[in-house]
Protein backbone atom coordinates (compact mmCIF):
# COMPACT_ATOMS: atom_id res chain seq x y z
CA GLN A 1 -19.20 -2.28 -4.16
CA VAL A 2 -15.73 -3.21 -2.92
CA GLN A 3 -14.56 -1.55 0.27
CA LEU A 4 -10.86 -1.36 1.07
CA VAL A 5 -9.91 -0.10 4.51
CA GLU A 6 -6.40 1.11 5.27
CA SER A 7 -4.84 1.34 8.69
CA VAL A 8 -3.79 4.63 10.20
CA GLY A 9 -0.44 5.92 8.95
CA GLY A 10 1.75 8.14 11.02
CA LEU A 11 4.68 10.46 11.42
CA VAL A 12 8.15 8.95 11.56
CA GLN A 13 11.69 10.24 11.36
CA ALA A 14 13.84 9.52 8.36
CA GLY A 15 15.30 6.04 8.61
CA GLY A 16 12.33 4.78 10.57
CA SER A 17 9.78 2.12 9.76
CA LEU A 18 6.04 1.88 9.45
CA ARG A 19 3.62 -0.87 8.46
CA LEU A 20 0.37 -0.20 6.67
CA SER A 21 -2.46 -2.65 6.25
CA CYS A 22 -5.32 -2.86 3.78
CA ALA A 23 -8.34 -4.95 4.69
CA ALA A 24 -10.31 -6.26 1.74
CA PRO A 25 -13.40 -8.46 1.33
CA GLY A 26 -12.56 -12.14 1.39
CA ILE A 27 -12.94 -12.92 -2.30
CA ILE A 28 -10.92 -9.86 -3.25
CA SER A 29 -8.03 -10.64 -0.94
CA SER A 30 -7.89 -14.19 -2.24
CA VAL A 31 -8.01 -13.73 -6.00
CA ASN A 32 -7.10 -10.15 -6.81
CA THR A 33 -3.92 -8.25 -7.37
CA ILE A 34 -3.71 -5.46 -4.83
CA ASP A 35 -1.34 -2.53 -4.95
CA TRP A 36 -0.25 0.49 -2.94
CA ASP A 37 -0.31 3.82 -4.72
CA PRO A 38 0.87 6.83 -2.73
CA ARG A 39 0.11 10.36 -3.81
CA ALA A 40 2.73 12.86 -2.73
CA PRO A 41 1.83 16.56 -2.39
CA GLY A 42 1.42 18.12 -5.82
CA LYS A 43 1.91 14.83 -7.63
CA GLN A 44 -0.21 12.08 -9.10
CA ARG A 45 -0.63 8.69 -7.52
CA GLU A 46 2.08 6.22 -8.44
CA LEU A 47 2.23 2.49 -7.93
CA VAL A 48 5.04 1.52 -5.58
CA ALA A 49 4.19 -2.08 -4.68
CA ARG A 50 1.91 -4.77 -6.07
CA ILE A 51 1.09 -8.33 -5.07
CA THR A 52 -0.78 -10.90 -7.11
CA SER A 53 -3.11 -13.63 -5.92
CA THR A 54 -0.15 -16.03 -5.96
CA SER A 55 1.93 -13.54 -3.95
CA VAL A 56 4.20 -12.48 -6.79
CA GLN A 57 5.53 -9.06 -5.80
CA ASP A 58 6.53 -6.09 -7.88
CA TYR A 59 8.09 -2.81 -6.75
CA ALA A 60 8.92 0.61 -8.09
CA ASP A 61 12.64 1.30 -8.26
CA SER A 62 12.25 4.05 -5.68
CA VAL A 63 11.24 1.58 -2.94
CA LYS A 64 13.06 -1.62 -3.90
CA GLY A 65 14.98 -3.01 -0.96
CA ARG A 66 13.08 -0.79 1.48
CA PHE A 67 9.39 -1.73 1.12
CA THR A 68 7.86 -5.19 1.31
CA ILE A 69 4.31 -6.04 0.32
CA SER A 70 2.69 -9.19 1.66
CA ARG A 71 -0.75 -10.70 2.07
CA ASP A 72 -2.44 -12.79 4.72
CA LYS A 73 -5.38 -14.49 3.05
CA ALA A 74 -6.66 -15.85 6.34
CA LYS A 75 -7.02 -12.27 7.58
CA ASN A 76 -8.12 -10.81 4.21
CA THR A 77 -5.36 -8.26 4.58
CA VAL A 78 -2.48 -6.92 2.52
CA TYR A 79 0.45 -5.27 4.28
CA LEU A 80 3.08 -2.75 3.25
CA GLN A 81 6.17 -2.83 5.44
CA MET A 82 8.15 0.36 4.90
CA ASN A 83 11.72 0.52 6.19
CA SER A 84 14.46 3.12 5.83
CA LEU A 85 11.83 5.75 5.19
CA LYS A 86 12.85 8.96 3.47
CA PRO A 87 11.21 12.40 3.50
CA GLU A 88 10.29 11.87 -0.14
CA ASP A 89 8.12 8.92 0.91
CA THR A 90 5.74 11.42 2.49
CA ALA A 91 2.36 10.91 0.84
CA VAL A 92 -1.18 9.76 1.27
CA TYR A 93 -1.05 6.01 0.69
CA TYR A 94 -3.95 4.27 -1.03
CA CYS A 95 -4.51 0.59 -1.55
CA HIS A 96 -6.16 -0.29 -4.82
CA THR A 97 -7.65 -3.21 -6.65
CA ARG A 98 -9.53 -3.75 -9.88
CA TRP A 99 -12.68 -5.88 -9.84
CA PHE A 100 -14.84 -6.57 -12.89
CA ALA A 101 -13.24 -3.68 -14.80
CA ASN A 102 -13.83 -1.20 -11.96
CA ASP A 103 -11.14 0.44 -9.87
CA TYR A 104 -11.54 0.57 -6.10
CA TRP A 105 -9.47 2.64 -3.68
CA GLY A 106 -9.23 2.79 0.06
CA GLN A 107 -9.82 6.04 1.90
CA GLY A 108 -6.11 6.83 2.01
CA THR A 109 -3.81 7.12 4.98
CA GLN A 110 -1.21 9.83 5.61
CA VAL A 111 2.43 8.90 6.01
CA SER A 112 4.79 11.72 6.91
CA VAL A 113 8.54 11.33 7.17
CA SER A 114 10.53 14.08 8.84
CA SER A 115 14.17 14.78 8.09
C-alpha cells in the first residue's frame, strides 16, 4: 500500500498564490513520476502537472507559466507552487502516482479561488 499525504489547501483571492505538498514514501518519491490532478466541481480529474524521477516537468496548457512542480527527494515530498490563481483553478487537488501497475491517490485537498 502506498500512502500519499497532501498538505491543507486553502481559500485565496484571484491573483494570489498557494503551495501544496505531497508526502510520499521514500522509494516512491525517489523513483516514481508523481502528478497533480485536480477535480473541479462537476468535472473529472485532469492532470495539470507531472514530474519524473529525474525532475523532468510537464504541464497542462491551462497552468503553464503559473504553476511549478518540484520535488525534494531528501524530504520525500513533491510540491505544487500555484501563482496567479484564477477562480477556474478551484478544485480538490490530488497527488497521484502509479506503482507496480496500481494507481495511488492522496486524500485530496480543497483549493478555492475567489474572484
